[in-house]
Amino acid sequence: MNDTIPLQRLDALHIFVRVAELSSFTQAADQMSLPKASVSTAVATLEALLGTRLLHRTTRRVQMTQDGQAFYERCKDLLADMEELQSMFQQGEQTLRGRLRVDMSTGMARDMVIPRLDEFLRAHPRIELELSSTDRRVDLVREGFDCVVRVGALGDSGLIARPLGVFRQINIASPAYLREHGTPRSLEDLSRHRLVHYVSTLGAKSGGFEVADTGGLRRIAMAGALTVNNAESYQSACLAGLGIIQAPAVGVRPLVKQGLLKEVLPRHRAPDLPVNIVYANRRHLPQRVQVFMGWIARLVAEEISRA
């Protein structure tokens, strides 16, 4: 599909985006104060130019095709970039506008970003933020993300990574679990304990209890009745007394302070987890993305300093 759209067709892009969002030619025409025939013609012209159908049309509804969905995402970014170009000579970051699509772990979104998000949106009221929070590794390019925050080792993806620091991991368990099973004092004691196993994909083999040794990473196999694949369930299982977990201190610090979880084996921690902002290798990174990444970097630095 051809991504190059002549500037004179920007009006057609605006029309297509509005039709796609409203799922209606009639409503789009009404909102844009245009004849319905002009709206239909604009979309048909785009489809002819691209050589693909963008919208399924029925008597009851309008729905994007798979190509239409992909083109819609690119249009949103292109139109936002054009708006940014039009305001690039205005003073101050308050002129930033457009859509931002970012992804991060559920725990980071819940505990670190969302509680502080109002300050960013107040400073940049014309930015529209789409925040994805999931434990799976999204495809940044294919799914149209501007940037993602990744905790843990990075694969060789060809993307650009901006290091933000590291999250220290701790071993924790609930008071109820420790009352029933006792508190482990050494790694040998782990043979009598349970671990809540975490895997990114169910069916994969758990790495067991991890310890950062001078000789490298050491893994200790442990029993455990439960395996989970997301951070929310991982933490909930620990709170419910189902076993020991290993997690970043920044995410569980409030629970430890409240006495809901207790640290164990503090001298035998898992390796620190690197934190990176990852983005595509673009020659021009929009200012709104740069500003958001800078804001995230400051949040992470503050959290690391408190952990």
Protein backbone atom coordinates (compact mmCIF):
# COMPACT_ATOMS: atom_id res chain seq x y z
CA MET A 1 0.00 0.00 0.00
CA ASN A 2 1.41 3.38 -1.01
CA ASP A 3 2.06 5.60 2.04
CA THR A 4 2.84 8.76 0.00
CA ILE A 5 -0.12 11.17 -0.10
CA PRO A 6 0.19 14.50 -1.97
CA LEU A 7 -0.40 17.55 0.20
CA GLN A 8 -3.48 18.52 -1.82
CA ARG A 9 -5.15 15.35 -0.59
CA LEU A 10 -4.92 16.24 3.09
CA ASP A 11 -8.57 17.32 3.07
CA ALA A 12 -9.46 13.83 1.85
CA LEU A 13 -7.47 12.36 4.73
CA HIS A 14 -9.39 14.49 7.23
CA ILE A 15 -12.65 13.31 5.67
CA PHE A 16 -11.65 9.65 5.73
CA VAL A 17 -10.60 9.85 9.38
CA ARG A 18 -13.89 11.44 10.38
CA VAL A 19 -15.93 8.83 8.47
CA ALA A 20 -13.87 6.03 10.04
CA GLU A 21 -14.34 7.40 13.55
CA LEU A 22 -18.06 8.02 13.17
CA SER A 23 -18.74 4.90 11.05
CA SER A 24 -21.03 7.08 8.99
CA PHE A 25 -20.74 9.15 5.80
CA THR A 26 -23.83 11.13 6.77
CA GLN A 27 -22.62 12.08 10.25
CA ALA A 28 -19.18 12.97 8.91
CA ALA A 29 -20.74 15.20 6.29
CA ASP A 30 -22.92 16.92 8.90
CA GLN A 31 -20.02 17.53 11.29
CA MET A 32 -17.76 18.88 8.55
CA SER A 33 -20.53 20.92 6.89
CA LEU A 34 -19.98 19.17 3.57
CA PRO A 35 -22.36 17.56 1.09
CA LYS A 36 -22.57 13.81 1.58
CA ALA A 37 -21.64 13.33 -2.07
CA SER A 38 -18.38 15.22 -1.52
CA VAL A 39 -17.50 13.01 1.44
CA SER A 40 -18.19 9.84 -0.56
CA THR A 41 -16.15 11.15 -3.49
CA ALA A 42 -13.18 12.01 -1.27
CA VAL A 43 -13.06 8.49 0.19
CA ALA A 44 -13.52 6.87 -3.21
CA THR A 45 -10.65 8.98 -4.58
CA LEU A 46 -8.37 7.80 -1.77
CA GLU A 47 -9.30 4.18 -2.41
CA ALA A 48 -8.54 4.58 -6.11
CA LEU A 49 -5.21 6.25 -5.34
CA LEU A 50 -4.18 3.52 -2.88
CA GLY A 51 -5.56 0.65 -4.92
CA THR A 52 -7.42 -0.91 -2.00
CA ARG A 53 -10.80 -0.73 -0.28
CA LEU A 54 -10.67 1.22 2.96
CA LEU A 55 -14.29 0.92 4.10
CA HIS A 56 -16.99 -1.73 3.96
CA ARG A 57 -20.28 0.03 3.17
CA THR A 58 -23.71 -1.42 3.96
CA THR A 59 -27.11 0.16 4.30
CA ARG A 60 -26.78 0.10 8.10
CA ARG A 61 -23.14 0.85 8.88
CA VAL A 62 -19.68 1.71 7.63
CA GLN A 63 -16.76 -0.39 8.87
CA MET A 64 -13.04 -0.18 8.17
CA THR A 65 -11.35 -2.99 6.29
CA GLN A 66 -8.03 -4.37 7.52
CA ASP A 67 -6.22 -2.05 5.09
CA GLY A 68 -8.52 0.75 6.18
CA GLN A 69 -7.56 0.25 9.82
CA ALA A 70 -3.84 0.36 8.98
CA PHE A 71 -4.32 3.45 6.80
CA TYR A 72 -6.39 5.13 9.52
CA GLU A 73 -3.55 4.76 12.01
CA ARG A 74 -1.06 6.27 9.55
CA CYS A 75 -3.46 9.10 8.74
CA LYS A 76 -3.83 10.06 12.39
CA ASP A 77 -0.06 10.31 12.74
CA LEU A 78 0.37 12.22 9.47
CA LEU A 79 -2.33 14.76 10.29
CA ALA A 80 -0.91 15.25 13.78
CA ASP A 81 2.54 15.82 12.30
CA MET A 82 1.13 18.39 9.87
CA GLU A 83 -0.54 20.24 12.75
CA GLU A 84 2.78 20.22 14.58
CA LEU A 85 4.55 21.66 11.53
CA GLN A 86 2.00 24.46 11.32
CA SER A 87 2.73 25.45 14.94
CA MET A 88 6.49 24.76 15.02
CA PHE A 89 7.39 28.46 15.12
CA GLN A 90 5.05 29.23 18.01
CA GLN A 91 6.76 29.64 21.36
CA GLY A 92 6.72 27.04 24.11
CA GLU A 93 5.82 23.38 24.53
CA GLN A 94 2.22 24.29 25.30
CA THR A 95 1.57 24.26 21.54
CA LEU A 96 2.20 20.51 21.30
CA ARG A 97 -0.73 18.67 19.80
CA GLY A 98 -1.68 15.40 18.20
CA ARG A 99 -2.00 11.78 19.17
CA LEU A 100 0.47 9.82 21.26
CA ARG A 101 0.25 6.03 21.34
CA VAL A 102 2.44 4.41 24.01
CA ASP A 103 2.70 1.05 25.72
CA MET A 104 4.05 -0.04 29.10
CA SER A 105 3.50 -2.75 31.68
CA THR A 106 0.25 -2.82 33.63
CA GLY A 107 2.05 -2.23 36.92
CA MET A 108 3.99 0.77 35.64
CA ALA A 109 0.84 2.33 34.19
CA ARG A 110 -1.14 1.74 37.39
CA ASP A 111 1.44 2.64 40.02
CA MET A 112 3.71 5.18 38.38
CA VAL A 113 2.26 6.88 35.31
CA ILE A 114 -1.51 7.22 35.70
CA PRO A 115 -1.32 8.80 39.21
CA ARG A 116 0.90 11.53 37.71
CA LEU A 117 -0.64 11.73 34.25
CA ASP A 118 -2.81 14.73 35.00
CA GLU A 119 0.25 16.98 35.30
CA PHE A 120 1.40 16.02 31.79
CA LEU A 121 -2.04 16.46 30.21
CA ARG A 122 -2.56 19.81 31.93
CA ALA A 123 0.77 21.02 30.57
CA HIS A 124 -0.13 19.78 27.06
CA PRO A 125 -3.93 19.93 26.77
CA ARG A 126 -3.94 19.45 22.99
CA ILE A 127 -2.22 16.06 23.14
CA GLU A 128 -4.44 12.97 22.88
CA LEU A 129 -2.85 10.03 24.69
CA GLU A 130 -3.58 6.38 23.90
CA LEU A 131 -2.10 4.31 26.71
CA SER A 132 -1.75 0.57 26.24
CA SER A 133 -0.83 -1.42 29.35
CA THR A 134 -0.07 -5.08 28.84
CA ASP A 135 2.57 -7.61 29.85
CA ARG A 136 3.01 -8.91 26.30
CA ARG A 137 5.68 -7.49 24.01
CA VAL A 138 3.79 -5.38 21.49
CA ASP A 139 5.07 -4.92 17.94
CA LEU A 140 5.93 -1.23 18.09
CA VAL A 141 6.04 -0.65 14.34
CA ARG A 142 3.22 -2.89 13.17
CA GLU A 143 0.84 -1.73 15.91
CA GLY A 144 1.65 1.94 15.41
CA PHE A 145 3.16 2.86 18.79
CA ASP A 146 5.21 6.04 19.12
CA CYS A 147 7.24 4.54 21.96
CA VAL A 148 7.07 1.77 24.54
CA VAL A 149 8.57 1.46 28.01
CA ARG A 150 10.15 -1.96 28.49
CA VAL A 151 11.39 -3.47 31.73
CA GLY A 152 13.84 -6.32 31.33
CA ALA A 153 16.31 -7.47 28.72
CA LEU A 154 15.79 -6.20 25.17
CA GLY A 155 15.97 -8.41 22.13
CA ASP A 156 17.79 -7.48 18.94
CA SER A 157 14.86 -5.71 17.27
CA GLY A 158 16.56 -2.97 15.28
CA LEU A 159 14.74 -0.38 17.40
CA ILE A 160 16.35 2.48 19.32
CA ALA A 161 16.50 2.15 23.12
CA ARG A 162 16.94 5.03 25.55
CA PRO A 163 18.15 3.65 28.92
CA LEU A 164 16.32 5.05 31.96
CA GLY A 165 18.02 3.11 34.75
CA VAL A 166 17.37 -0.17 36.52
CA PHE A 167 14.69 -1.48 38.87
CA ARG A 168 16.02 -3.33 41.93
CA GLN A 169 14.17 -6.59 42.56
CA ILE A 170 13.25 -7.98 45.97
CA ASN A 171 11.85 -11.27 47.24
CA ILE A 172 8.52 -10.95 49.02
CA ALA A 173 5.78 -13.02 50.61
CA SER A 174 2.65 -12.32 52.60
CA PRO A 175 2.60 -12.49 56.41
CA ALA A 176 0.01 -15.28 56.18
CA TYR A 177 2.30 -17.37 53.96
CA LEU A 178 5.26 -16.83 56.31
CA ARG A 179 3.20 -17.80 59.35
CA GLU A 180 2.24 -21.08 57.69
CA HIS A 181 5.54 -21.99 56.03
CA GLY A 182 8.11 -20.09 58.07
CA THR A 183 10.58 -17.45 56.89
CA PRO A 184 13.42 -18.72 54.66
CA ARG A 185 16.83 -17.76 56.06
CA SER A 186 19.03 -19.30 53.35
CA LEU A 187 18.77 -20.53 49.78
CA GLU A 188 18.74 -24.11 51.11
CA ASP A 189 15.48 -23.31 52.93
CA LEU A 190 13.74 -22.73 49.57
CA SER A 191 13.33 -26.48 49.10
CA ARG A 192 10.59 -26.28 51.75
CA HIS A 193 8.83 -23.28 50.18
CA ARG A 194 6.55 -22.45 47.28
CA LEU A 195 7.18 -20.03 44.45
CA VAL A 196 4.48 -18.31 42.39
CA HIS A 197 5.82 -18.98 38.91
CA TYR A 198 5.75 -16.25 36.26
CA VAL A 199 6.04 -16.92 32.52
CA SER A 200 5.32 -14.60 29.62
CA THR A 201 3.42 -17.36 27.79
CA LEU A 202 1.47 -20.10 29.54
CA GLY A 203 3.01 -23.46 28.78
CA ALA A 204 6.56 -22.12 28.92
CA LYS A 205 8.94 -23.43 31.58
CA SER A 206 9.45 -21.25 34.64
CA GLY A 207 13.01 -20.18 35.38
CA GLY A 208 12.52 -20.75 39.10
CA PHE A 209 13.99 -18.57 41.83
CA GLU A 210 16.67 -16.28 40.38
CA VAL A 211 19.77 -15.12 42.24
CA ALA A 212 22.39 -12.66 41.02
CA ASP A 213 25.75 -14.27 41.84
CA THR A 214 29.25 -13.02 41.09
CA GLY A 215 29.51 -15.80 38.53
CA GLY A 216 26.31 -14.75 36.80
CA LEU A 217 22.66 -15.65 37.07
CA ARG A 218 21.78 -18.64 39.22
CA ARG A 219 18.41 -20.37 39.00
CA ILE A 220 16.95 -22.54 41.74
CA ALA A 221 14.06 -24.86 40.91
CA MET A 222 11.17 -24.50 43.34
CA ALA A 223 7.80 -26.09 43.88
CA GLY A 224 4.68 -24.06 43.29
CA ALA A 225 1.05 -24.80 42.52
CA LEU A 226 0.40 -21.65 40.48
CA THR A 227 1.86 -20.22 37.27
CA VAL A 228 0.68 -16.83 35.97
CA ASN A 229 1.44 -14.71 32.92
CA ASN A 230 0.70 -11.17 34.04
CA ALA A 231 1.91 -8.86 36.79
CA GLU A 232 -1.52 -8.23 38.31
CA SER A 233 -2.11 -11.93 38.98
CA TYR A 234 1.49 -12.35 40.14
CA GLN A 235 1.11 -9.72 42.85
CA SER A 236 -2.40 -10.84 43.80
CA ALA A 237 -1.23 -14.41 44.25
CA CYS A 238 1.49 -13.24 46.62
CA LEU A 239 -0.98 -11.18 48.64
CA ALA A 240 -3.24 -14.23 48.84
CA GLY A 241 -0.45 -16.25 50.46
CA LEU A 242 0.16 -18.60 47.54
CA GLY A 243 3.93 -18.28 47.55
CA ILE A 244 7.05 -16.15 47.24
CA ILE A 245 7.52 -13.81 44.30
CA GLN A 246 10.40 -11.71 42.96
CA ALA A 247 9.35 -8.25 41.80
CA PRO A 248 10.68 -4.71 41.28
CA ALA A 249 10.79 -2.83 44.57
CA VAL A 250 9.16 0.24 43.00
CA GLY A 251 5.93 -1.66 42.37
CA VAL A 252 5.54 -3.28 45.79
CA ARG A 253 7.05 -0.62 48.05
CA PRO A 254 3.63 0.66 49.30
CA LEU A 255 2.50 -2.89 50.14
CA VAL A 256 5.69 -3.57 52.09
CA LYS A 257 5.31 -0.29 54.00
CA GLN A 258 1.74 -1.21 54.90
CA GLY A 259 2.85 -4.62 56.17
CA LEU A 260 0.81 -6.47 53.54
CA LEU A 261 3.99 -8.04 52.14
CA LYS A 262 7.37 -8.73 53.74
CA GLU A 263 10.81 -8.95 52.19
CA VAL A 264 12.69 -12.23 52.55
CA LEU A 265 16.24 -13.29 51.71
CA PRO A 266 17.42 -9.69 51.15
CA ARG A 267 20.99 -10.89 50.45
CA HIS A 268 19.84 -13.16 47.61
CA ARG A 269 18.04 -10.95 45.14
CA ALA A 270 17.29 -11.47 41.47
CA PRO A 271 19.30 -9.37 38.99
CA ASP A 272 18.28 -5.73 38.51
CA LEU A 273 15.92 -5.11 35.59
CA PRO A 274 16.96 -2.54 32.97
CA VAL A 275 14.32 0.04 32.04
CA ASN A 276 14.29 1.47 28.51
CA ILE A 277 12.13 3.64 26.31
CA VAL A 278 12.10 2.04 22.89
CA TYR A 279 11.10 3.74 19.64
CA ALA A 280 11.44 3.25 15.91
CA ASN A 281 14.44 4.51 14.00
CA ARG A 282 12.82 7.62 12.57
CA ARG A 283 14.84 10.50 11.18
CA HIS A 284 12.40 12.98 12.69
CA LEU A 285 10.90 12.11 16.05
CA PRO A 286 7.89 14.41 16.69
CA GLN A 287 8.40 16.87 19.51
CA ARG A 288 5.35 15.56 21.36
CA VAL A 289 7.03 12.12 21.52
CA GLN A 290 10.33 13.62 22.69
CA VAL A 291 8.59 15.63 25.43
CA PHE A 292 6.60 12.60 26.63
CA MET A 293 9.74 10.46 26.74
CA GLY A 294 11.49 13.14 28.78
CA TRP A 295 8.59 13.22 31.22
CA ILE A 296 8.61 9.42 31.59
CA ALA A 297 12.38 9.51 32.14
CA ARG A 298 11.92 11.94 35.04
CA LEU A 299 9.18 9.78 36.60
CA VAL A 300 11.34 6.67 36.44
CA ALA A 301 14.33 8.52 37.91
CA GLU A 302 12.19 9.74 40.83
CA GLU A 303 10.86 6.23 41.49
CA ILE A 304 14.33 4.67 41.37
CA SER A 305 15.65 7.25 43.84
CA ARG A 306 12.88 6.34 46.31
CA ALA A 307 13.15 2.56 45.96
